[in-house]
Amino acid sequence: MKRTATAALLTAGVLAAAAGCSSAPADKAKPAPDPTAAVRKAAQDYQAAAVRGDWNTACALSSARLRGGTVADCVAANSSAPAPSPSSSASPSPSVQPPTYADGSTPAPIATPTPTGAQRASVGPITAGAAIAVPASGNHAAGYGVFLSYTVTWPGQAPTADHRAMRLVQEGGAWVVDQHEDDLQREDQLREVLLGGAK
């Protein structure tokens, strides 16, 4: 009788201990980190690099689809493109002589931007709005859209506000720009522009 009671007590103790262990809360799965801060930063870094002509950085922050080749190909293509400048600053270049025709006449010089025109523009801070999820569209993978705004000031001119919509996708473990569109003025146009844009 004594042995039976002892065995019963030991069994009850083991069961209670097991029940106590099983009733402990299980470790909850950690939620995936919110990517929106990284998305917004990548968009700002891309635009800042593009504005200052740092194509090594901008191309590295581009998707393979947007680059259309390697980073080196992208850098070469963008570095050879003419620098942007306002139309009002265009002036004939004094170093280019117009041709002389057989009859001795010469054409009127064509106004071209000065080589240093784009370097004289001042660009204000680039701000990024909220990152919103956007579905796949056309050749673009699903990702996040970001509305960017900044000011550009040319000498002797009033500042102008510029806006850009960007789609960022994850590639190689990083967020990169896959699409950018300029045909918008307000943040509420972001989704529509990215889903309908072709760049």
N, C-alpha and C. Protein backbone atom coordinates (compact mmCIF):
# COMPACT_ATOMS: atom_id res chain seq x y z
N MET A 1 0.84 -1.20 0.00
CA MET A 1 0.00 0.00 0.00
C MET A 1 0.86 1.24 0.00
N LYS A 2 1.95 1.17 0.84
CA LYS A 2 2.82 2.33 0.92
C LYS A 2 3.54 2.55 -0.40
N ARG A 3 3.94 1.43 -1.04
CA ARG A 3 4.63 1.55 -2.34
C ARG A 3 3.68 2.13 -3.39
N THR A 4 2.45 1.71 -3.39
CA THR A 4 1.48 2.21 -4.37
C THR A 4 1.25 3.70 -4.20
N ALA A 5 1.16 4.16 -2.94
CA ALA A 5 0.93 5.59 -2.68
C ALA A 5 2.14 6.40 -3.14
N THR A 6 3.34 5.88 -2.86
CA THR A 6 4.57 6.59 -3.27
C THR A 6 4.65 6.68 -4.79
N ALA A 7 4.35 5.58 -5.45
CA ALA A 7 4.39 5.57 -6.92
C ALA A 7 3.36 6.53 -7.48
N ALA A 8 2.21 6.59 -6.85
CA ALA A 8 1.17 7.51 -7.33
C ALA A 8 1.60 8.95 -7.17
N LEU A 9 2.24 9.25 -6.03
CA LEU A 9 2.71 10.62 -5.81
C LEU A 9 3.79 11.00 -6.82
N LEU A 10 4.72 10.08 -7.10
CA LEU A 10 5.77 10.37 -8.07
C LEU A 10 5.19 10.59 -9.47
N THR A 11 4.24 9.75 -9.84
CA THR A 11 3.60 9.90 -11.15
C THR A 11 2.88 11.24 -11.25
N ALA A 12 2.18 11.62 -10.18
CA ALA A 12 1.46 12.90 -10.17
C ALA A 12 2.44 14.07 -10.28
N GLY A 13 3.60 13.94 -9.61
CA GLY A 13 4.60 15.01 -9.67
C GLY A 13 5.18 15.17 -11.06
N VAL A 14 5.48 14.02 -11.70
CA VAL A 14 6.02 14.07 -13.06
C VAL A 14 5.01 14.68 -14.03
N LEU A 15 3.75 14.28 -13.90
CA LEU A 15 2.70 14.82 -14.77
C LEU A 15 2.50 16.31 -14.55
N ALA A 16 2.57 16.75 -13.30
CA ALA A 16 2.41 18.18 -13.00
C ALA A 16 3.55 18.98 -13.59
N ALA A 17 4.76 18.41 -13.47
CA ALA A 17 5.92 19.11 -14.03
C ALA A 17 5.80 19.20 -15.55
N ALA A 18 5.37 18.09 -16.16
CA ALA A 18 5.21 18.09 -17.61
C ALA A 18 4.13 19.06 -18.03
N ALA A 19 3.05 19.09 -17.27
CA ALA A 19 1.97 20.02 -17.60
C ALA A 19 2.43 21.46 -17.45
N GLY A 20 3.26 21.71 -16.45
CA GLY A 20 3.77 23.07 -16.25
C GLY A 20 4.65 23.50 -17.40
N CYS A 21 5.47 22.59 -17.94
CA CYS A 21 6.33 22.92 -19.07
C CYS A 21 5.52 23.18 -20.32
N SER A 22 4.49 22.35 -20.52
CA SER A 22 3.73 22.48 -21.76
C SER A 22 2.83 23.70 -21.74
N SER A 23 2.52 24.20 -20.53
CA SER A 23 1.65 25.37 -20.48
C SER A 23 2.41 26.68 -20.65
N ALA A 24 3.76 26.62 -20.68
CA ALA A 24 4.55 27.84 -20.89
C ALA A 24 4.30 28.35 -22.30
N PRO A 25 4.19 29.67 -22.46
CA PRO A 25 3.91 30.22 -23.79
C PRO A 25 5.04 29.92 -24.76
N ALA A 26 4.70 29.47 -25.93
CA ALA A 26 5.70 29.18 -26.96
C ALA A 26 6.25 30.49 -27.51
N ASP A 27 7.51 30.44 -27.96
CA ASP A 27 8.11 31.64 -28.56
C ASP A 27 7.32 32.02 -29.81
N LYS A 28 6.90 33.26 -29.82
CA LYS A 28 6.15 33.74 -30.99
C LYS A 28 7.11 34.02 -32.13
N ALA A 29 6.66 33.74 -33.34
CA ALA A 29 7.49 34.02 -34.52
C ALA A 29 7.65 35.53 -34.65
N LYS A 30 8.89 35.96 -34.89
CA LYS A 30 9.15 37.39 -35.02
C LYS A 30 8.60 37.88 -36.35
N PRO A 31 7.91 39.03 -36.34
CA PRO A 31 7.39 39.55 -37.61
C PRO A 31 8.54 40.02 -38.51
N ALA A 32 8.31 39.96 -39.80
CA ALA A 32 9.32 40.42 -40.75
C ALA A 32 9.54 41.92 -40.55
N PRO A 33 10.78 42.40 -40.65
CA PRO A 33 11.03 43.82 -40.47
C PRO A 33 10.32 44.66 -41.53
N ASP A 34 9.87 45.83 -41.14
CA ASP A 34 9.18 46.73 -42.06
C ASP A 34 10.20 47.31 -43.04
N PRO A 35 10.03 47.08 -44.35
CA PRO A 35 11.04 47.53 -45.32
C PRO A 35 10.90 48.98 -45.75
N THR A 36 9.84 49.66 -45.30
CA THR A 36 9.56 50.98 -45.88
C THR A 36 10.66 52.01 -45.64
N ALA A 37 11.33 51.96 -44.49
CA ALA A 37 12.41 52.91 -44.23
C ALA A 37 13.55 52.69 -45.22
N ALA A 38 13.89 51.42 -45.47
CA ALA A 38 14.97 51.11 -46.42
C ALA A 38 14.57 51.50 -47.84
N VAL A 39 13.30 51.32 -48.18
CA VAL A 39 12.80 51.68 -49.51
C VAL A 39 12.91 53.19 -49.72
N ARG A 40 12.45 53.95 -48.73
CA ARG A 40 12.49 55.42 -48.85
C ARG A 40 13.93 55.93 -48.96
N LYS A 41 14.83 55.35 -48.17
CA LYS A 41 16.24 55.78 -48.21
C LYS A 41 16.87 55.46 -49.57
N ALA A 42 16.59 54.28 -50.11
CA ALA A 42 17.14 53.91 -51.42
C ALA A 42 16.65 54.86 -52.50
N ALA A 43 15.37 55.25 -52.43
CA ALA A 43 14.81 56.19 -53.42
C ALA A 43 15.51 57.55 -53.31
N GLN A 44 15.67 58.05 -52.10
CA GLN A 44 16.34 59.34 -51.90
C GLN A 44 17.80 59.28 -52.35
N ASP A 45 18.50 58.20 -52.01
CA ASP A 45 19.91 58.06 -52.39
C ASP A 45 20.06 58.01 -53.91
N TYR A 46 19.16 57.29 -54.59
CA TYR A 46 19.20 57.22 -56.05
C TYR A 46 19.02 58.61 -56.65
N GLN A 47 17.99 59.33 -56.21
CA GLN A 47 17.70 60.63 -56.80
C GLN A 47 18.81 61.64 -56.52
N ALA A 48 19.34 61.62 -55.31
CA ALA A 48 20.43 62.53 -54.96
C ALA A 48 21.65 62.26 -55.84
N ALA A 49 21.95 60.99 -56.07
CA ALA A 49 23.09 60.63 -56.92
C ALA A 49 22.85 61.05 -58.37
N ALA A 50 21.63 60.84 -58.86
CA ALA A 50 21.31 61.22 -60.24
C ALA A 50 21.40 62.74 -60.43
N VAL A 51 20.94 63.48 -59.45
CA VAL A 51 20.97 64.95 -59.54
C VAL A 51 22.41 65.47 -59.61
N ARG A 52 23.29 64.87 -58.82
CA ARG A 52 24.69 65.36 -58.84
C ARG A 52 25.54 64.68 -59.91
N GLY A 53 24.91 63.80 -60.72
CA GLY A 53 25.64 63.15 -61.80
C GLY A 53 26.53 62.02 -61.34
N ASP A 54 26.26 61.47 -60.17
CA ASP A 54 27.05 60.35 -59.65
C ASP A 54 26.40 59.06 -60.15
N TRP A 55 26.71 58.69 -61.39
CA TRP A 55 26.05 57.54 -62.01
C TRP A 55 26.57 56.21 -61.49
N ASN A 56 27.75 56.19 -60.91
CA ASN A 56 28.22 54.95 -60.29
C ASN A 56 27.26 54.54 -59.17
N THR A 57 26.85 55.52 -58.36
CA THR A 57 25.92 55.24 -57.26
C THR A 57 24.52 54.99 -57.79
N ALA A 58 24.05 55.87 -58.69
CA ALA A 58 22.68 55.75 -59.19
C ALA A 58 22.48 54.42 -59.93
N CYS A 59 23.45 54.03 -60.74
CA CYS A 59 23.32 52.77 -61.49
C CYS A 59 23.38 51.57 -60.57
N ALA A 60 24.19 51.65 -59.52
CA ALA A 60 24.25 50.55 -58.56
C ALA A 60 22.94 50.41 -57.79
N LEU A 61 22.19 51.51 -57.68
CA LEU A 61 20.89 51.49 -57.00
C LEU A 61 19.74 51.24 -57.98
N SER A 62 20.06 50.84 -59.20
CA SER A 62 19.05 50.53 -60.22
C SER A 62 18.90 49.03 -60.38
N SER A 63 17.71 48.60 -60.77
CA SER A 63 17.50 47.18 -61.05
C SER A 63 18.18 46.83 -62.37
N ALA A 64 18.41 45.54 -62.58
CA ALA A 64 19.01 45.09 -63.84
C ALA A 64 18.12 45.47 -65.01
N ARG A 65 16.80 45.43 -64.81
CA ARG A 65 15.87 45.79 -65.88
C ARG A 65 16.01 47.26 -66.24
N LEU A 66 16.11 48.14 -65.24
CA LEU A 66 16.22 49.57 -65.51
C LEU A 66 17.58 49.91 -66.13
N ARG A 67 18.63 49.26 -65.66
CA ARG A 67 19.97 49.52 -66.20
C ARG A 67 20.06 49.10 -67.65
N GLY A 68 19.42 48.00 -68.00
CA GLY A 68 19.52 47.48 -69.35
C GLY A 68 20.87 46.88 -69.66
N GLY A 69 21.60 46.51 -68.65
CA GLY A 69 22.94 45.94 -68.82
C GLY A 69 23.65 45.94 -67.48
N THR A 70 24.97 46.01 -67.54
CA THR A 70 25.76 46.05 -66.31
C THR A 70 25.76 47.45 -65.73
N VAL A 71 26.26 47.56 -64.51
CA VAL A 71 26.41 48.89 -63.90
C VAL A 71 27.34 49.75 -64.75
N ALA A 72 28.41 49.15 -65.27
CA ALA A 72 29.35 49.90 -66.12
C ALA A 72 28.67 50.41 -67.39
N ASP A 73 27.81 49.59 -68.00
CA ASP A 73 27.07 50.01 -69.19
C ASP A 73 26.18 51.21 -68.86
N CYS A 74 25.50 51.12 -67.73
CA CYS A 74 24.60 52.18 -67.29
C CYS A 74 25.37 53.48 -67.05
N VAL A 75 26.52 53.37 -66.40
CA VAL A 75 27.34 54.56 -66.12
C VAL A 75 27.78 55.20 -67.43
N ALA A 76 28.25 54.39 -68.37
CA ALA A 76 28.71 54.92 -69.66
C ALA A 76 27.58 55.60 -70.42
N ALA A 77 26.40 54.98 -70.43
CA ALA A 77 25.26 55.55 -71.16
C ALA A 77 24.82 56.88 -70.57
N ASN A 78 24.78 56.96 -69.25
CA ASN A 78 24.30 58.19 -68.61
C ASN A 78 25.37 59.28 -68.57
N SER A 79 26.63 58.90 -68.50
CA SER A 79 27.70 59.89 -68.48
C SER A 79 27.85 60.59 -69.82
N SER A 80 27.49 59.90 -70.90
CA SER A 80 27.62 60.50 -72.23
C SER A 80 26.39 61.31 -72.60
N ALA A 81 25.32 61.21 -71.82
CA ALA A 81 24.11 61.98 -72.11
C ALA A 81 24.34 63.44 -71.80
N PRO A 82 23.74 64.35 -72.58
CA PRO A 82 23.92 65.77 -72.28
C PRO A 82 23.30 66.13 -70.94
N ALA A 83 23.98 66.99 -70.21
CA ALA A 83 23.48 67.41 -68.90
C ALA A 83 22.25 68.29 -69.07
N PRO A 84 21.25 68.15 -68.20
CA PRO A 84 20.04 68.97 -68.31
C PRO A 84 20.32 70.42 -67.94
N SER A 85 19.60 71.32 -68.56
CA SER A 85 19.71 72.74 -68.22
C SER A 85 18.41 73.41 -68.62
N PRO A 86 18.08 74.53 -67.98
CA PRO A 86 16.84 75.21 -68.33
C PRO A 86 16.92 75.83 -69.71
N SER A 87 15.81 75.87 -70.44
CA SER A 87 15.82 76.38 -71.80
C SER A 87 16.22 77.85 -71.85
N SER A 88 15.90 78.60 -70.79
CA SER A 88 16.22 80.03 -70.81
C SER A 88 17.71 80.29 -70.67
N SER A 89 18.48 79.29 -70.21
CA SER A 89 19.92 79.51 -70.06
C SER A 89 20.69 79.10 -71.30
N ALA A 90 20.00 78.54 -72.28
CA ALA A 90 20.71 78.11 -73.48
C ALA A 90 21.22 79.32 -74.24
N SER A 91 22.45 79.22 -74.71
CA SER A 91 23.04 80.32 -75.47
C SER A 91 24.02 79.73 -76.46
N PRO A 92 24.28 80.46 -77.59
CA PRO A 92 25.23 79.91 -78.56
C PRO A 92 26.60 79.72 -77.92
N SER A 93 27.23 78.62 -78.22
CA SER A 93 28.56 78.38 -77.68
C SER A 93 29.58 79.15 -78.51
N PRO A 94 30.42 79.99 -77.85
CA PRO A 94 31.39 80.80 -78.60
C PRO A 94 32.47 79.95 -79.25
N SER A 95 32.65 78.70 -78.79
CA SER A 95 33.74 77.89 -79.33
C SER A 95 33.34 77.12 -80.59
N VAL A 96 32.04 77.16 -80.95
CA VAL A 96 31.59 76.43 -82.13
C VAL A 96 31.38 77.42 -83.27
N GLN A 97 32.14 77.26 -84.36
CA GLN A 97 32.02 78.15 -85.50
C GLN A 97 31.05 77.54 -86.50
N PRO A 98 30.06 78.30 -86.97
CA PRO A 98 29.14 77.76 -87.96
C PRO A 98 29.86 77.51 -89.27
N PRO A 99 29.38 76.54 -90.05
CA PRO A 99 30.04 76.25 -91.34
C PRO A 99 29.80 77.37 -92.35
N THR A 100 30.63 77.41 -93.34
CA THR A 100 30.46 78.38 -94.42
C THR A 100 30.05 77.61 -95.67
N TYR A 101 28.91 78.02 -96.28
CA TYR A 101 28.42 77.34 -97.48
C TYR A 101 29.21 77.79 -98.70
N ALA A 102 29.02 77.08 -99.82
CA ALA A 102 29.75 77.37 -101.06
C ALA A 102 29.52 78.79 -101.54
N ASP A 103 28.33 79.34 -101.27
CA ASP A 103 28.05 80.71 -101.73
C ASP A 103 28.58 81.76 -100.76
N GLY A 104 29.28 81.33 -99.71
CA GLY A 104 29.85 82.28 -98.76
C GLY A 104 28.96 82.59 -97.57
N SER A 105 27.72 82.12 -97.58
CA SER A 105 26.82 82.40 -96.46
C SER A 105 27.05 81.41 -95.32
N THR A 106 26.60 81.81 -94.16
CA THR A 106 26.69 80.93 -92.98
C THR A 106 25.33 80.87 -92.30
N PRO A 107 24.97 79.71 -91.74
CA PRO A 107 23.69 79.61 -91.04
C PRO A 107 23.76 80.33 -89.70
N ALA A 108 22.60 80.69 -89.18
CA ALA A 108 22.55 81.30 -87.86
C ALA A 108 22.98 80.27 -86.83
N PRO A 109 23.73 80.69 -85.81
CA PRO A 109 24.17 79.73 -84.79
C PRO A 109 22.97 79.16 -84.04
N ILE A 110 23.07 77.89 -83.66
CA ILE A 110 22.01 77.24 -82.91
C ILE A 110 22.32 77.36 -81.43
N ALA A 111 21.34 77.78 -80.67
CA ALA A 111 21.54 77.92 -79.23
C ALA A 111 21.74 76.54 -78.60
N THR A 112 22.80 76.42 -77.83
CA THR A 112 23.07 75.18 -77.12
C THR A 112 23.36 75.50 -75.66
N PRO A 113 23.06 74.60 -74.77
CA PRO A 113 23.34 74.86 -73.36
C PRO A 113 24.83 75.01 -73.12
N THR A 114 25.21 75.88 -72.21
CA THR A 114 26.62 76.03 -71.87
C THR A 114 27.07 74.79 -71.13
N PRO A 115 28.33 74.39 -71.28
CA PRO A 115 28.79 73.15 -70.64
C PRO A 115 28.61 73.13 -69.13
N THR A 116 28.71 74.29 -68.50
CA THR A 116 28.62 74.32 -67.05
C THR A 116 27.22 74.65 -66.57
N GLY A 117 26.25 74.70 -67.47
CA GLY A 117 24.90 75.11 -67.08
C GLY A 117 24.30 74.27 -65.98
N ALA A 118 24.36 72.94 -66.13
CA ALA A 118 23.73 72.07 -65.15
C ALA A 118 24.43 72.14 -63.80
N GLN A 119 25.71 72.46 -63.81
CA GLN A 119 26.45 72.52 -62.55
C GLN A 119 26.09 73.74 -61.72
N ARG A 120 25.43 74.71 -62.34
CA ARG A 120 25.07 75.93 -61.60
C ARG A 120 23.73 75.82 -60.91
N ALA A 121 23.00 74.74 -61.16
CA ALA A 121 21.70 74.58 -60.53
C ALA A 121 21.88 74.12 -59.09
N SER A 122 21.03 74.66 -58.23
CA SER A 122 21.03 74.27 -56.83
C SER A 122 19.81 73.41 -56.56
N VAL A 123 20.01 72.25 -55.99
CA VAL A 123 18.91 71.33 -55.70
C VAL A 123 18.70 71.27 -54.20
N GLY A 124 17.45 71.49 -53.80
CA GLY A 124 17.11 71.46 -52.38
C GLY A 124 17.04 70.04 -51.86
N PRO A 125 16.78 69.89 -50.56
CA PRO A 125 16.69 68.55 -49.96
C PRO A 125 15.62 67.71 -50.65
N ILE A 126 15.90 66.45 -50.81
CA ILE A 126 14.96 65.51 -51.45
C ILE A 126 14.16 64.83 -50.35
N THR A 127 12.85 65.03 -50.36
CA THR A 127 12.00 64.41 -49.35
C THR A 127 11.22 63.27 -49.98
N ALA A 128 11.02 62.23 -49.19
CA ALA A 128 10.30 61.05 -49.65
C ALA A 128 9.03 60.89 -48.85
N GLY A 129 7.92 60.67 -49.53
CA GLY A 129 6.66 60.42 -48.86
C GLY A 129 6.61 58.98 -48.36
N ALA A 130 5.44 58.56 -47.94
CA ALA A 130 5.27 57.19 -47.46
C ALA A 130 5.48 56.19 -48.59
N ALA A 131 6.02 55.03 -48.25
CA ALA A 131 6.18 53.96 -49.23
C ALA A 131 4.90 53.13 -49.25
N ILE A 132 4.33 52.95 -50.44
CA ILE A 132 3.10 52.16 -50.56
C ILE A 132 3.34 50.94 -51.43
N ALA A 133 2.72 49.83 -51.09
CA ALA A 133 2.87 48.61 -51.87
C ALA A 133 2.21 48.78 -53.23
N VAL A 134 2.90 48.37 -54.30
CA VAL A 134 2.33 48.42 -55.65
C VAL A 134 2.47 47.04 -56.28
N PRO A 135 1.45 46.58 -56.99
CA PRO A 135 1.51 45.26 -57.61
C PRO A 135 2.37 45.27 -58.86
N ALA A 136 2.67 44.09 -59.37
CA ALA A 136 3.40 43.98 -60.63
C ALA A 136 2.59 44.65 -61.73
N SER A 137 3.30 45.26 -62.67
CA SER A 137 2.63 45.97 -63.76
C SER A 137 3.56 45.98 -64.97
N GLY A 138 3.06 45.49 -66.11
CA GLY A 138 3.88 45.46 -67.32
C GLY A 138 5.14 44.64 -67.07
N ASN A 139 6.31 45.24 -67.30
CA ASN A 139 7.58 44.55 -67.09
C ASN A 139 8.12 44.73 -65.68
N HIS A 140 7.35 45.41 -64.83
CA HIS A 140 7.82 45.73 -63.48
C HIS A 140 7.30 44.72 -62.47
N ALA A 141 8.18 44.29 -61.58
CA ALA A 141 7.79 43.38 -60.50
C ALA A 141 7.05 44.17 -59.42
N ALA A 142 6.35 43.45 -58.56
CA ALA A 142 5.69 44.08 -57.42
C ALA A 142 6.76 44.67 -56.50
N GLY A 143 6.41 45.75 -55.83
CA GLY A 143 7.37 46.38 -54.93
C GLY A 143 6.70 47.49 -54.15
N TYR A 144 7.42 48.58 -53.97
CA TYR A 144 6.90 49.74 -53.24
C TYR A 144 7.06 50.99 -54.10
N GLY A 145 6.09 51.88 -54.00
CA GLY A 145 6.15 53.16 -54.68
C GLY A 145 6.46 54.26 -53.69
N VAL A 146 7.26 55.23 -54.11
CA VAL A 146 7.64 56.37 -53.26
C VAL A 146 7.50 57.66 -54.06
N PHE A 147 6.91 58.67 -53.44
CA PHE A 147 6.77 60.00 -54.05
C PHE A 147 7.90 60.88 -53.53
N LEU A 148 8.73 61.40 -54.44
CA LEU A 148 9.84 62.27 -54.08
C LEU A 148 9.54 63.70 -54.51
N SER A 149 9.96 64.65 -53.70
CA SER A 149 9.83 66.06 -54.09
C SER A 149 11.08 66.82 -53.67
N TYR A 150 11.45 67.80 -54.48
CA TYR A 150 12.62 68.62 -54.21
C TYR A 150 12.52 69.89 -55.06
N THR A 151 13.33 70.89 -54.74
CA THR A 151 13.33 72.13 -55.51
C THR A 151 14.63 72.24 -56.31
N VAL A 152 14.52 72.89 -57.45
CA VAL A 152 15.68 73.17 -58.30
C VAL A 152 15.72 74.67 -58.54
N THR A 153 16.86 75.28 -58.29
CA THR A 153 17.00 76.73 -58.45
C THR A 153 18.16 77.03 -59.40
N TRP A 154 17.85 77.72 -60.49
CA TRP A 154 18.88 78.16 -61.43
C TRP A 154 19.19 79.62 -61.15
N PRO A 155 20.43 80.05 -61.41
CA PRO A 155 20.80 81.45 -61.15
C PRO A 155 19.85 82.42 -61.84
N GLY A 156 19.37 83.39 -61.08
CA GLY A 156 18.48 84.41 -61.63
C GLY A 156 17.05 83.94 -61.84
N GLN A 157 16.71 82.74 -61.39
CA GLN A 157 15.36 82.24 -61.58
C GLN A 157 14.77 81.82 -60.23
N ALA A 158 13.46 81.83 -60.18
CA ALA A 158 12.78 81.39 -58.96
C ALA A 158 12.88 79.87 -58.84
N PRO A 159 12.89 79.35 -57.62
CA PRO A 159 12.94 77.89 -57.45
C PRO A 159 11.71 77.22 -58.06
N THR A 160 11.90 76.06 -58.61
CA THR A 160 10.78 75.28 -59.14
C THR A 160 10.71 73.96 -58.39
N ALA A 161 9.50 73.47 -58.17
CA ALA A 161 9.31 72.21 -57.47
C ALA A 161 9.31 71.06 -58.47
N ASP A 162 10.07 70.06 -58.20
CA ASP A 162 10.09 68.86 -59.03
C ASP A 162 9.57 67.68 -58.22
N HIS A 163 8.86 66.78 -58.90
CA HIS A 163 8.31 65.59 -58.24
C HIS A 163 8.63 64.37 -59.08
N ARG A 164 8.83 63.27 -58.42
CA ARG A 164 9.14 62.03 -59.13
C ARG A 164 8.51 60.85 -58.39
N ALA A 165 7.95 59.95 -59.17
CA ALA A 165 7.41 58.70 -58.63
C ALA A 165 8.41 57.60 -58.90
N MET A 166 8.68 56.78 -57.91
CA MET A 166 9.63 55.68 -58.09
C MET A 166 9.01 54.37 -57.62
N ARG A 167 9.32 53.31 -58.35
CA ARG A 167 8.98 51.95 -57.93
C ARG A 167 10.30 51.29 -57.54
N LEU A 168 10.33 50.72 -56.36
CA LEU A 168 11.50 50.00 -55.90
C LEU A 168 11.14 48.53 -55.70
N VAL A 169 12.05 47.67 -56.11
CA VAL A 169 11.85 46.22 -55.99
C VAL A 169 13.05 45.63 -55.27
N GLN A 170 12.87 44.45 -54.72
CA GLN A 170 13.98 43.80 -54.04
C GLN A 170 14.74 42.94 -55.03
N GLU A 171 16.05 43.15 -55.05
CA GLU A 171 16.92 42.42 -55.98
C GLU A 171 18.25 42.18 -55.30
N GLY A 172 18.63 40.93 -55.19
CA GLY A 172 19.90 40.61 -54.53
C GLY A 172 19.92 41.00 -53.07
N GLY A 173 18.76 40.99 -52.42
CA GLY A 173 18.68 41.32 -51.00
C GLY A 173 18.66 42.81 -50.71
N ALA A 174 18.61 43.65 -51.74
CA ALA A 174 18.58 45.11 -51.54
C ALA A 174 17.40 45.70 -52.30
N TRP A 175 16.98 46.88 -51.87
CA TRP A 175 15.91 47.61 -52.57
C TRP A 175 16.54 48.51 -53.62
N VAL A 176 16.09 48.36 -54.87
CA VAL A 176 16.65 49.13 -55.99
C VAL A 176 15.52 49.74 -56.82
N VAL A 177 15.84 50.81 -57.52
CA VAL A 177 14.86 51.51 -58.35
C VAL A 177 14.64 50.74 -59.64
N ASP A 178 13.37 50.46 -59.94
CA ASP A 178 13.03 49.72 -61.16
C ASP A 178 12.24 50.59 -62.13
N GLN A 179 11.70 51.70 -61.64
CA GLN A 179 10.86 52.57 -62.47
C GLN A 179 10.87 53.97 -61.88
N HIS A 180 10.90 54.97 -62.75
CA HIS A 180 10.73 56.35 -62.29
C HIS A 180 9.89 57.11 -63.30
N GLU A 181 8.99 57.90 -62.80
CA GLU A 181 8.06 58.67 -63.63
C GLU A 181 8.03 60.11 -63.12
N ASP A 182 7.94 61.05 -64.06
CA ASP A 182 7.94 62.46 -63.69
C ASP A 182 6.61 63.17 -63.92
N ASP A 183 5.65 62.46 -64.52
CA ASP A 183 4.39 63.12 -64.89
C ASP A 183 3.38 63.11 -63.75
N LEU A 184 3.74 63.78 -62.66
CA LEU A 184 2.80 63.90 -61.54
C LEU A 184 3.15 65.12 -60.71
N GLN A 185 2.17 65.61 -59.99
CA GLN A 185 2.34 66.79 -59.15
C GLN A 185 1.99 66.52 -57.70
N ARG A 186 1.20 65.46 -57.46
CA ARG A 186 0.71 65.20 -56.10
C ARG A 186 0.99 63.75 -55.71
N GLU A 187 1.11 63.53 -54.41
CA GLU A 187 1.40 62.20 -53.91
C GLU A 187 0.27 61.22 -54.16
N ASP A 188 -0.98 61.74 -54.22
CA ASP A 188 -2.09 60.82 -54.44
C ASP A 188 -2.14 60.29 -55.89
N GLN A 189 -1.27 60.80 -56.76
CA GLN A 189 -1.18 60.29 -58.13
C GLN A 189 -0.16 59.16 -58.26
N LEU A 190 0.56 58.87 -57.18
CA LEU A 190 1.69 57.94 -57.22
C LEU A 190 1.31 56.57 -57.78
N ARG A 191 0.32 55.94 -57.19
CA ARG A 191 -0.05 54.58 -57.61
C ARG A 191 -0.49 54.53 -59.07
N GLU A 192 -1.34 55.47 -59.46
CA GLU A 192 -1.84 55.50 -60.84
C GLU A 192 -0.71 55.69 -61.85
N VAL A 193 0.22 56.59 -61.54
CA VAL A 193 1.34 56.86 -62.45
C VAL A 193 2.25 55.65 -62.58
N LEU A 194 2.54 54.99 -61.46
CA LEU A 194 3.43 53.83 -61.53
C LEU A 194 2.78 52.65 -62.25
N LEU A 195 1.50 52.49 -62.10
CA LEU A 195 0.83 51.37 -62.76
C LEU A 195 0.60 51.64 -64.24
N GLY A 196 0.59 52.92 -64.64
CA GLY A 196 0.35 53.24 -66.04
C GLY A 196 1.59 53.66 -66.78
N GLY A 197 2.70 53.94 -66.04
CA GLY A 197 3.92 54.43 -66.67
C GLY A 197 4.66 53.34 -67.41
N ALA A 198 5.52 53.75 -68.30
CA ALA A 198 6.24 52.79 -69.14
C ALA A 198 7.75 52.84 -68.97
N LYS A 199 8.30 53.76 -68.16
CA LYS A 199 9.75 53.87 -68.07
C LYS A 199 10.33 52.74 -67.24
